[in-house]
Amino acid sequence: MASSTWLHVGDILGVHGLKGTLIVFSHTRPAQAIADYSCWRIGGTEATAKSYQVRRCWQHGKRMLSELDGVNDCNQALAFKKLKIWVDADIVETDDDEYLWDELIDCLVVREGSGVVLGRVIALEEYGAQDNLLVKTEEGADKPGEWLIPFIEAVVVDVDLDESRIVVALPDGMDVCFTPSC
């Protein structure tokens, strides 16, 4: 099955035990959701990734453990250390008010009311309480730098993926979330 879009859903951290069980850091929410996908593409890059059937996947402490078809001992499993896990974006389900992080990258971020362009989303970061948009100002901005904007309902007014545009309402004092470039 060929897909034009793959989502990076996890990283292989190492090996657990002697039977080839992989230690996986899941980027899904909740972390156990990575177990919902029975076929993973694994590799250093999307281009070099190969498909593997997931035989078993379960939570173990803060990490996930996984067994893949054809990987039966720790020596085979060691070859997977530090590789990335992708799944076909077409099989990932989201609710109407949910977004995949990859969909938000490169969206233009605009201040509600004034229409002032703050910049473009270059990454999403998670610091426990909520996800945050990392927004870099556009080339030639009066004040170059980066914004760290909480991706919460009180701040994010609208997300229009068709227009690649996010409208935000920054409350008073939110300017402290801006880091100027040198």
N, C-alpha and C. Protein backbone atom coordinates (compact mmCIF):
# COMPACT_ATOMS: atom_id res chain seq x y z
N MET A 1 0.85 -1.16 0.00
CA MET A 1 0.00 0.00 0.00
C MET A 1 0.90 1.23 0.00
N ALA A 2 0.75 2.08 -0.99
CA ALA A 2 1.54 3.31 -1.07
C ALA A 2 0.75 4.45 -0.46
N SER A 3 1.42 5.27 0.31
CA SER A 3 0.79 6.43 0.92
C SER A 3 1.68 7.63 0.72
N SER A 4 1.07 8.79 0.52
CA SER A 4 1.87 9.98 0.35
C SER A 4 2.18 10.63 1.69
N THR A 5 1.44 10.26 2.74
CA THR A 5 1.64 10.89 4.03
C THR A 5 1.80 9.85 5.13
N TRP A 6 2.92 9.96 5.82
CA TRP A 6 3.19 9.08 6.95
C TRP A 6 3.33 9.93 8.20
N LEU A 7 2.80 9.45 9.31
CA LEU A 7 2.90 10.16 10.58
C LEU A 7 3.91 9.48 11.48
N HIS A 8 4.81 10.27 12.04
CA HIS A 8 5.80 9.78 12.99
C HIS A 8 5.10 9.60 14.33
N VAL A 9 4.88 8.36 14.76
CA VAL A 9 4.10 8.08 15.96
C VAL A 9 4.93 7.53 17.12
N GLY A 10 6.21 7.24 16.88
CA GLY A 10 7.01 6.70 17.97
C GLY A 10 8.47 6.54 17.61
N ASP A 11 9.25 6.25 18.64
CA ASP A 11 10.69 6.02 18.48
C ASP A 11 11.06 4.76 19.24
N ILE A 12 11.96 4.00 18.69
CA ILE A 12 12.43 2.79 19.36
C ILE A 12 13.67 3.15 20.18
N LEU A 13 13.55 2.95 21.49
CA LEU A 13 14.59 3.37 22.42
C LEU A 13 15.63 2.28 22.69
N GLY A 14 15.20 1.03 22.57
CA GLY A 14 16.13 -0.05 22.88
C GLY A 14 15.43 -1.39 22.93
N VAL A 15 16.06 -2.33 23.62
CA VAL A 15 15.58 -3.71 23.69
C VAL A 15 15.28 -4.07 25.14
N HIS A 16 14.23 -4.85 25.32
CA HIS A 16 13.83 -5.31 26.66
C HIS A 16 13.86 -6.84 26.66
N GLY A 17 14.76 -7.41 27.43
CA GLY A 17 14.83 -8.87 27.55
C GLY A 17 15.57 -9.53 26.40
N LEU A 18 15.47 -10.85 26.36
CA LEU A 18 16.24 -11.65 25.40
C LEU A 18 15.45 -12.08 24.18
N LYS A 19 14.13 -11.87 24.18
CA LYS A 19 13.29 -12.40 23.10
C LYS A 19 12.97 -11.39 22.01
N GLY A 20 13.69 -10.25 21.99
CA GLY A 20 13.50 -9.30 20.90
C GLY A 20 12.40 -8.28 21.12
N THR A 21 12.00 -8.09 22.36
CA THR A 21 10.98 -7.09 22.65
C THR A 21 11.60 -5.70 22.56
N LEU A 22 10.90 -4.78 21.90
CA LEU A 22 11.39 -3.42 21.70
C LEU A 22 10.80 -2.47 22.73
N ILE A 23 11.61 -1.53 23.20
CA ILE A 23 11.13 -0.46 24.07
C ILE A 23 10.79 0.71 23.16
N VAL A 24 9.52 1.18 23.26
CA VAL A 24 9.02 2.20 22.34
C VAL A 24 8.58 3.43 23.13
N PHE A 25 8.99 4.60 22.65
CA PHE A 25 8.44 5.85 23.16
C PHE A 25 7.34 6.26 22.19
N SER A 26 6.11 6.36 22.68
CA SER A 26 4.97 6.67 21.84
C SER A 26 4.68 8.16 21.83
N HIS A 27 4.44 8.71 20.63
CA HIS A 27 4.04 10.10 20.49
C HIS A 27 2.52 10.24 20.41
N THR A 28 1.80 9.12 20.47
CA THR A 28 0.34 9.17 20.37
C THR A 28 -0.27 9.57 21.70
N ARG A 29 -1.51 9.98 21.65
CA ARG A 29 -2.26 10.31 22.86
C ARG A 29 -3.50 9.48 22.90
N PRO A 30 -3.75 8.74 23.90
CA PRO A 30 -2.79 8.38 24.94
C PRO A 30 -1.67 7.52 24.35
N ALA A 31 -0.63 7.33 25.13
CA ALA A 31 0.54 6.58 24.64
C ALA A 31 0.16 5.19 24.15
N GLN A 32 -0.84 4.59 24.77
CA GLN A 32 -1.26 3.23 24.40
C GLN A 32 -1.89 3.17 23.00
N ALA A 33 -2.26 4.31 22.45
CA ALA A 33 -2.91 4.33 21.13
C ALA A 33 -1.99 3.82 20.03
N ILE A 34 -0.70 3.82 20.25
CA ILE A 34 0.22 3.28 19.24
C ILE A 34 -0.05 1.79 19.02
N ALA A 35 -0.60 1.13 20.03
CA ALA A 35 -0.92 -0.29 19.92
C ALA A 35 -2.12 -0.55 18.99
N ASP A 36 -2.83 0.50 18.62
CA ASP A 36 -3.99 0.35 17.74
C ASP A 36 -3.59 0.08 16.29
N TYR A 37 -2.34 0.28 15.97
CA TYR A 37 -1.88 0.12 14.58
C TYR A 37 -1.12 -1.19 14.45
N SER A 38 -1.61 -2.07 13.60
CA SER A 38 -1.05 -3.42 13.48
C SER A 38 0.12 -3.49 12.52
N CYS A 39 0.34 -2.42 11.75
CA CYS A 39 1.47 -2.38 10.83
C CYS A 39 2.20 -1.07 11.02
N TRP A 40 3.49 -1.17 11.31
CA TRP A 40 4.34 0.01 11.48
C TRP A 40 5.36 0.05 10.36
N ARG A 41 5.71 1.24 9.92
CA ARG A 41 6.87 1.44 9.04
C ARG A 41 7.99 1.91 9.95
N ILE A 42 9.11 1.22 9.90
CA ILE A 42 10.21 1.50 10.82
C ILE A 42 11.48 1.76 10.01
N GLY A 43 12.17 2.85 10.38
CA GLY A 43 13.42 3.17 9.72
C GLY A 43 14.00 4.46 10.24
N GLY A 44 15.16 4.83 9.72
CA GLY A 44 15.80 6.08 10.10
C GLY A 44 15.10 7.27 9.49
N THR A 45 14.54 7.08 8.30
CA THR A 45 13.77 8.11 7.61
C THR A 45 12.53 7.46 7.00
N GLU A 46 11.60 8.30 6.57
CA GLU A 46 10.40 7.76 5.89
C GLU A 46 10.81 6.97 4.66
N ALA A 47 11.79 7.50 3.92
CA ALA A 47 12.20 6.88 2.66
C ALA A 47 12.83 5.50 2.86
N THR A 48 13.52 5.30 3.98
CA THR A 48 14.20 4.03 4.21
C THR A 48 13.38 3.06 5.07
N ALA A 49 12.23 3.52 5.55
CA ALA A 49 11.42 2.70 6.45
C ALA A 49 10.82 1.49 5.73
N LYS A 50 10.72 0.39 6.47
CA LYS A 50 10.12 -0.84 5.95
C LYS A 50 8.95 -1.23 6.84
N SER A 51 7.99 -1.94 6.27
CA SER A 51 6.79 -2.34 7.00
C SER A 51 7.05 -3.58 7.86
N TYR A 52 6.47 -3.53 9.07
CA TYR A 52 6.55 -4.66 10.00
C TYR A 52 5.18 -4.86 10.63
N GLN A 53 4.78 -6.11 10.77
CA GLN A 53 3.54 -6.44 11.47
C GLN A 53 3.82 -6.45 12.97
N VAL A 54 2.94 -5.81 13.71
CA VAL A 54 3.07 -5.78 15.16
C VAL A 54 2.36 -7.00 15.71
N ARG A 55 3.12 -7.85 16.38
CA ARG A 55 2.56 -9.07 16.95
C ARG A 55 1.86 -8.77 18.27
N ARG A 56 2.47 -7.87 19.05
CA ARG A 56 1.95 -7.55 20.38
C ARG A 56 2.52 -6.21 20.81
N CYS A 57 1.71 -5.39 21.49
CA CYS A 57 2.18 -4.10 21.97
C CYS A 57 1.43 -3.79 23.27
N TRP A 58 2.16 -3.41 24.32
CA TRP A 58 1.53 -3.17 25.60
C TRP A 58 2.31 -2.13 26.40
N GLN A 59 1.63 -1.52 27.38
CA GLN A 59 2.28 -0.52 28.21
C GLN A 59 3.11 -1.19 29.30
N HIS A 60 4.27 -0.60 29.57
CA HIS A 60 5.17 -1.10 30.61
C HIS A 60 5.78 0.13 31.27
N GLY A 61 5.21 0.54 32.40
CA GLY A 61 5.64 1.79 33.04
C GLY A 61 5.29 2.97 32.18
N LYS A 62 6.26 3.86 31.93
CA LYS A 62 6.02 5.04 31.11
C LYS A 62 6.24 4.77 29.62
N ARG A 63 6.72 3.62 29.30
CA ARG A 63 7.02 3.27 27.91
C ARG A 63 6.09 2.17 27.43
N MET A 64 6.18 1.92 26.14
CA MET A 64 5.46 0.82 25.54
C MET A 64 6.47 -0.26 25.17
N LEU A 65 6.04 -1.50 25.21
CA LEU A 65 6.85 -2.62 24.74
C LEU A 65 6.15 -3.21 23.54
N SER A 66 6.93 -3.70 22.59
CA SER A 66 6.33 -4.24 21.38
C SER A 66 7.14 -5.42 20.86
N GLU A 67 6.41 -6.38 20.28
CA GLU A 67 7.03 -7.51 19.59
C GLU A 67 6.59 -7.44 18.14
N LEU A 68 7.55 -7.61 17.23
CA LEU A 68 7.28 -7.58 15.80
C LEU A 68 7.45 -8.96 15.19
N ASP A 69 6.64 -9.27 14.18
CA ASP A 69 6.82 -10.53 13.45
C ASP A 69 8.22 -10.58 12.86
N GLY A 70 8.90 -11.68 13.04
CA GLY A 70 10.22 -11.86 12.47
C GLY A 70 11.37 -11.39 13.34
N VAL A 71 11.06 -10.76 14.46
CA VAL A 71 12.10 -10.31 15.39
C VAL A 71 11.96 -11.17 16.64
N ASN A 72 12.89 -12.12 16.80
CA ASN A 72 12.71 -13.14 17.83
C ASN A 72 13.81 -13.19 18.89
N ASP A 73 14.83 -12.34 18.78
CA ASP A 73 15.86 -12.33 19.82
C ASP A 73 16.45 -10.93 19.94
N CYS A 74 17.20 -10.73 21.01
CA CYS A 74 17.71 -9.38 21.30
C CYS A 74 18.70 -8.89 20.25
N ASN A 75 19.43 -9.80 19.61
CA ASN A 75 20.38 -9.37 18.58
C ASN A 75 19.65 -8.79 17.36
N GLN A 76 18.56 -9.42 16.95
CA GLN A 76 17.76 -8.87 15.85
C GLN A 76 17.15 -7.52 16.27
N ALA A 77 16.67 -7.46 17.49
CA ALA A 77 15.99 -6.25 17.98
C ALA A 77 16.95 -5.07 18.09
N LEU A 78 18.21 -5.31 18.40
CA LEU A 78 19.19 -4.22 18.55
C LEU A 78 19.32 -3.39 17.27
N ALA A 79 19.07 -4.00 16.12
CA ALA A 79 19.16 -3.28 14.85
C ALA A 79 18.08 -2.18 14.73
N PHE A 80 17.05 -2.24 15.57
CA PHE A 80 15.94 -1.28 15.51
C PHE A 80 16.16 -0.07 16.45
N LYS A 81 17.17 -0.16 17.31
CA LYS A 81 17.41 0.91 18.28
C LYS A 81 17.63 2.24 17.56
N LYS A 82 16.99 3.29 18.06
CA LYS A 82 17.06 4.66 17.55
C LYS A 82 16.33 4.87 16.23
N LEU A 83 15.54 3.89 15.79
CA LEU A 83 14.76 4.08 14.56
C LEU A 83 13.40 4.68 14.90
N LYS A 84 12.75 5.23 13.89
CA LYS A 84 11.45 5.88 14.05
C LYS A 84 10.33 4.97 13.55
N ILE A 85 9.14 5.20 14.09
CA ILE A 85 7.96 4.44 13.72
C ILE A 85 6.97 5.38 13.05
N TRP A 86 6.50 4.97 11.87
CA TRP A 86 5.48 5.73 11.15
C TRP A 86 4.26 4.86 10.89
N VAL A 87 3.10 5.50 10.76
CA VAL A 87 1.88 4.83 10.29
C VAL A 87 1.27 5.68 9.19
N ASP A 88 0.46 5.05 8.36
CA ASP A 88 -0.21 5.73 7.27
C ASP A 88 -1.22 6.73 7.85
N ALA A 89 -1.10 7.99 7.47
CA ALA A 89 -1.99 9.04 8.00
C ALA A 89 -3.46 8.76 7.70
N ASP A 90 -3.72 8.05 6.61
CA ASP A 90 -5.11 7.78 6.23
C ASP A 90 -5.85 6.89 7.23
N ILE A 91 -5.13 6.14 8.06
CA ILE A 91 -5.80 5.26 9.01
C ILE A 91 -5.94 5.88 10.40
N VAL A 92 -5.39 7.08 10.57
CA VAL A 92 -5.46 7.75 11.87
C VAL A 92 -6.76 8.53 11.96
N GLU A 93 -7.55 8.23 12.96
CA GLU A 93 -8.84 8.89 13.14
C GLU A 93 -8.73 10.03 14.14
N THR A 94 -9.38 11.15 13.83
CA THR A 94 -9.44 12.29 14.75
C THR A 94 -10.87 12.78 14.83
N ASP A 95 -11.24 13.33 15.98
CA ASP A 95 -12.54 13.97 16.14
C ASP A 95 -12.51 15.34 15.47
N ASP A 96 -13.68 15.95 15.31
CA ASP A 96 -13.76 17.26 14.66
C ASP A 96 -12.93 18.33 15.35
N ASP A 97 -12.77 18.23 16.66
CA ASP A 97 -12.02 19.25 17.40
C ASP A 97 -10.59 18.80 17.71
N GLU A 98 -10.11 17.79 17.00
CA GLU A 98 -8.75 17.29 17.19
C GLU A 98 -7.95 17.49 15.91
N TYR A 99 -6.65 17.67 16.08
CA TYR A 99 -5.77 17.88 14.94
C TYR A 99 -4.52 17.04 15.13
N LEU A 100 -3.98 16.58 14.03
CA LEU A 100 -2.69 15.91 14.05
C LEU A 100 -1.61 17.00 14.04
N TRP A 101 -0.58 16.81 14.82
CA TRP A 101 0.47 17.81 14.90
C TRP A 101 1.02 18.14 13.51
N ASP A 102 1.20 17.13 12.68
CA ASP A 102 1.74 17.35 11.34
C ASP A 102 0.86 18.29 10.51
N GLU A 103 -0.44 18.29 10.77
CA GLU A 103 -1.36 19.17 10.04
C GLU A 103 -1.16 20.64 10.40
N LEU A 104 -0.67 20.90 11.60
CA LEU A 104 -0.53 22.27 12.09
C LEU A 104 0.80 22.92 11.70
N ILE A 105 1.79 22.09 11.37
CA ILE A 105 3.10 22.62 10.97
C ILE A 105 2.94 23.46 9.71
N ASP A 106 3.57 24.61 9.70
CA ASP A 106 3.59 25.58 8.61
C ASP A 106 2.30 26.40 8.48
N CYS A 107 1.36 26.25 9.40
CA CYS A 107 0.17 27.11 9.39
C CYS A 107 0.56 28.53 9.79
N LEU A 108 -0.05 29.50 9.15
CA LEU A 108 0.13 30.90 9.49
C LEU A 108 -0.66 31.19 10.76
N VAL A 109 -0.05 31.89 11.71
CA VAL A 109 -0.73 32.22 12.97
C VAL A 109 -1.01 33.71 12.98
N VAL A 110 -2.30 34.05 13.17
CA VAL A 110 -2.76 35.43 13.08
C VAL A 110 -3.46 35.81 14.38
N ARG A 111 -3.22 37.06 14.81
CA ARG A 111 -3.86 37.58 16.02
C ARG A 111 -5.29 37.98 15.72
N GLU A 112 -6.22 37.49 16.54
CA GLU A 112 -7.64 37.80 16.36
C GLU A 112 -7.87 39.30 16.46
N GLY A 113 -8.80 39.79 15.63
CA GLY A 113 -9.16 41.20 15.68
C GLY A 113 -8.27 42.06 14.80
N SER A 114 -6.98 42.09 15.09
CA SER A 114 -6.06 42.96 14.35
C SER A 114 -5.59 42.33 13.04
N GLY A 115 -5.61 41.01 12.96
CA GLY A 115 -5.12 40.33 11.77
C GLY A 115 -3.60 40.34 11.65
N VAL A 116 -2.91 40.79 12.71
CA VAL A 116 -1.45 40.82 12.69
C VAL A 116 -0.91 39.40 12.61
N VAL A 117 0.00 39.18 11.66
CA VAL A 117 0.62 37.86 11.48
C VAL A 117 1.73 37.70 12.51
N LEU A 118 1.61 36.69 13.36
CA LEU A 118 2.65 36.41 14.36
C LEU A 118 3.77 35.57 13.76
N GLY A 119 3.43 34.70 12.79
CA GLY A 119 4.43 33.86 12.16
C GLY A 119 3.83 32.55 11.70
N ARG A 120 4.68 31.55 11.54
CA ARG A 120 4.26 30.21 11.11
C ARG A 120 4.65 29.18 12.15
N VAL A 121 3.81 28.17 12.29
CA VAL A 121 4.08 27.08 13.22
C VAL A 121 5.25 26.27 12.68
N ILE A 122 6.30 26.15 13.49
CA ILE A 122 7.46 25.34 13.09
C ILE A 122 7.54 24.03 13.86
N ALA A 123 6.82 23.97 14.99
CA ALA A 123 6.83 22.75 15.79
C ALA A 123 5.72 22.82 16.83
N LEU A 124 5.41 21.69 17.42
CA LEU A 124 4.53 21.63 18.58
C LEU A 124 5.33 20.99 19.69
N GLU A 125 5.17 21.53 20.89
CA GLU A 125 5.92 21.02 22.02
C GLU A 125 4.97 20.72 23.17
N GLU A 126 5.34 19.74 23.94
CA GLU A 126 4.51 19.29 25.05
C GLU A 126 5.29 19.50 26.34
N TYR A 127 4.70 20.26 27.25
CA TYR A 127 5.34 20.51 28.53
C TYR A 127 4.45 20.10 29.69
N GLY A 128 3.68 19.05 29.52
CA GLY A 128 2.87 18.53 30.61
C GLY A 128 1.46 19.05 30.63
N ALA A 129 1.26 20.31 30.98
CA ALA A 129 -0.10 20.85 31.15
C ALA A 129 -0.86 20.92 29.83
N GLN A 130 -0.18 21.34 28.76
CA GLN A 130 -0.84 21.44 27.46
C GLN A 130 0.20 21.42 26.36
N ASP A 131 -0.31 21.28 25.13
CA ASP A 131 0.56 21.38 23.97
C ASP A 131 0.78 22.86 23.68
N ASN A 132 1.90 23.17 23.05
CA ASN A 132 2.23 24.55 22.70
C ASN A 132 2.66 24.63 21.25
N LEU A 133 2.18 25.69 20.57
CA LEU A 133 2.62 25.97 19.21
C LEU A 133 3.92 26.76 19.29
N LEU A 134 4.94 26.31 18.60
CA LEU A 134 6.17 27.08 18.48
C LEU A 134 6.07 27.80 17.14
N VAL A 135 5.97 29.14 17.20
CA VAL A 135 5.69 29.96 16.02
C VAL A 135 6.88 30.87 15.76
N LYS A 136 7.43 30.78 14.56
CA LYS A 136 8.56 31.63 14.18
C LYS A 136 8.04 32.77 13.32
N THR A 137 8.51 34.00 13.63
CA THR A 137 8.09 35.16 12.86
C THR A 137 8.51 35.00 11.40
N GLU A 138 7.79 35.69 10.52
CA GLU A 138 8.07 35.64 9.10
C GLU A 138 9.37 36.38 8.79
N GLU A 139 9.99 36.02 7.69
CA GLU A 139 11.20 36.69 7.21
C GLU A 139 10.93 38.19 7.08
N GLY A 140 11.82 39.00 7.59
CA GLY A 140 11.66 40.45 7.48
C GLY A 140 10.76 41.07 8.53
N ALA A 141 10.36 40.32 9.55
CA ALA A 141 9.50 40.86 10.61
C ALA A 141 10.22 41.97 11.36
N ASP A 142 9.44 42.97 11.84
CA ASP A 142 10.02 44.07 12.62
C ASP A 142 10.78 43.56 13.83
N LYS A 143 10.17 42.58 14.51
CA LYS A 143 10.80 41.95 15.68
C LYS A 143 10.93 40.46 15.39
N PRO A 144 12.05 40.01 14.86
CA PRO A 144 12.21 38.57 14.61
C PRO A 144 12.32 37.80 15.93
N GLY A 145 11.75 36.61 15.91
CA GLY A 145 11.82 35.76 17.09
C GLY A 145 10.83 34.62 17.02
N GLU A 146 10.53 34.06 18.20
CA GLU A 146 9.61 32.93 18.28
C GLU A 146 8.59 33.15 19.39
N TRP A 147 7.39 32.67 19.14
CA TRP A 147 6.30 32.67 20.11
C TRP A 147 6.11 31.24 20.60
N LEU A 148 5.81 31.06 21.86
CA LEU A 148 5.38 29.77 22.41
C LEU A 148 3.95 29.99 22.89
N ILE A 149 3.00 29.51 22.11
CA ILE A 149 1.59 29.79 22.33
C ILE A 149 0.87 28.53 22.78
N PRO A 150 0.22 28.57 23.95
CA PRO A 150 -0.52 27.39 24.41
C PRO A 150 -1.62 27.01 23.43
N PHE A 151 -1.68 25.75 23.07
CA PHE A 151 -2.72 25.26 22.16
C PHE A 151 -3.92 24.83 23.01
N ILE A 152 -4.61 25.84 23.54
CA ILE A 152 -5.78 25.61 24.38
C ILE A 152 -6.94 26.43 23.84
N GLU A 153 -8.15 26.00 24.19
CA GLU A 153 -9.37 26.62 23.68
C GLU A 153 -9.45 28.11 23.98
N ALA A 154 -8.95 28.55 25.13
CA ALA A 154 -9.02 29.96 25.51
C ALA A 154 -8.13 30.85 24.64
N VAL A 155 -7.14 30.27 23.99
CA VAL A 155 -6.19 31.04 23.18
C VAL A 155 -6.42 30.80 21.68
N VAL A 156 -6.60 29.56 21.28
CA VAL A 156 -6.78 29.23 19.87
C VAL A 156 -8.26 29.39 19.52
N VAL A 157 -8.54 30.41 18.73
CA VAL A 157 -9.91 30.76 18.38
C VAL A 157 -10.41 29.94 17.21
N ASP A 158 -9.55 29.73 16.20
CA ASP A 158 -9.97 29.02 15.00
C ASP A 158 -8.77 28.34 14.35
N VAL A 159 -9.01 27.14 13.83
CA VAL A 159 -8.01 26.43 13.04
C VAL A 159 -8.67 26.11 11.70
N ASP A 160 -8.11 26.64 10.63
CA ASP A 160 -8.62 26.39 9.29
C ASP A 160 -7.52 25.69 8.50
N LEU A 161 -7.61 24.36 8.46
CA LEU A 161 -6.56 23.59 7.79
C LEU A 161 -6.59 23.81 6.28
N ASP A 162 -7.77 24.07 5.70
CA ASP A 162 -7.84 24.32 4.26
C ASP A 162 -7.07 25.57 3.88
N GLU A 163 -7.08 26.57 4.73
CA GLU A 163 -6.36 27.82 4.49
C GLU A 163 -4.99 27.85 5.17
N SER A 164 -4.64 26.78 5.91
CA SER A 164 -3.39 26.71 6.69
C SER A 164 -3.24 27.94 7.57
N ARG A 165 -4.29 28.20 8.36
CA ARG A 165 -4.35 29.42 9.17
C ARG A 165 -4.91 29.12 10.55
N ILE A 166 -4.25 29.68 11.57
CA ILE A 166 -4.69 29.55 12.95
C ILE A 166 -4.88 30.95 13.51
N VAL A 167 -6.05 31.21 14.07
CA VAL A 167 -6.33 32.51 14.67
C VAL A 167 -6.24 32.35 16.18
N VAL A 168 -5.47 33.26 16.82
CA VAL A 168 -5.29 33.19 18.27
C VAL A 168 -5.71 34.50 18.94
N ALA A 169 -6.22 34.38 20.14
CA ALA A 169 -6.55 35.53 20.99
C ALA A 169 -5.56 35.53 22.14
N LEU A 170 -4.60 36.44 22.08
CA LEU A 170 -3.57 36.49 23.12
C LEU A 170 -4.03 37.40 24.24
N PRO A 171 -4.24 36.86 25.43
CA PRO A 171 -4.65 37.68 26.57
C PRO A 171 -3.55 38.66 26.98
N ASP A 172 -3.92 39.67 27.74
CA ASP A 172 -2.92 40.62 28.26
C ASP A 172 -1.81 39.85 28.98
N GLY A 173 -0.60 40.28 28.76
CA GLY A 173 0.55 39.65 29.41
C GLY A 173 1.13 38.50 28.62
N MET A 174 0.47 38.11 27.52
CA MET A 174 0.93 36.97 26.73
C MET A 174 2.19 37.30 25.93
N ASP A 175 2.55 38.56 25.85
CA ASP A 175 3.76 38.94 25.13
C ASP A 175 5.01 38.34 25.76
N VAL A 176 4.92 37.89 27.01
CA VAL A 176 6.07 37.23 27.65
C VAL A 176 6.37 35.89 26.98
N CYS A 177 5.46 35.41 26.15
CA CYS A 177 5.66 34.15 25.43
C CYS A 177 6.45 34.35 24.15
N PHE A 178 6.97 35.58 23.93
CA PHE A 178 7.76 35.89 22.74
C PHE A 178 9.22 35.98 23.13
N THR A 179 10.07 35.29 22.37
CA THR A 179 11.52 35.33 22.56
C THR A 179 12.14 35.95 21.33
N PRO A 180 12.69 37.17 21.45
CA PRO A 180 13.31 37.81 20.28
C PRO A 180 14.58 37.09 19.86
N SER A 181 14.86 37.14 18.56
CA SER A 181 16.12 36.59 18.03
C SER A 181 17.21 37.63 18.21
N CYS A 182 18.43 37.15 18.32
CA CYS A 182 19.57 38.07 18.46
C CYS A 182 19.95 38.65 17.13
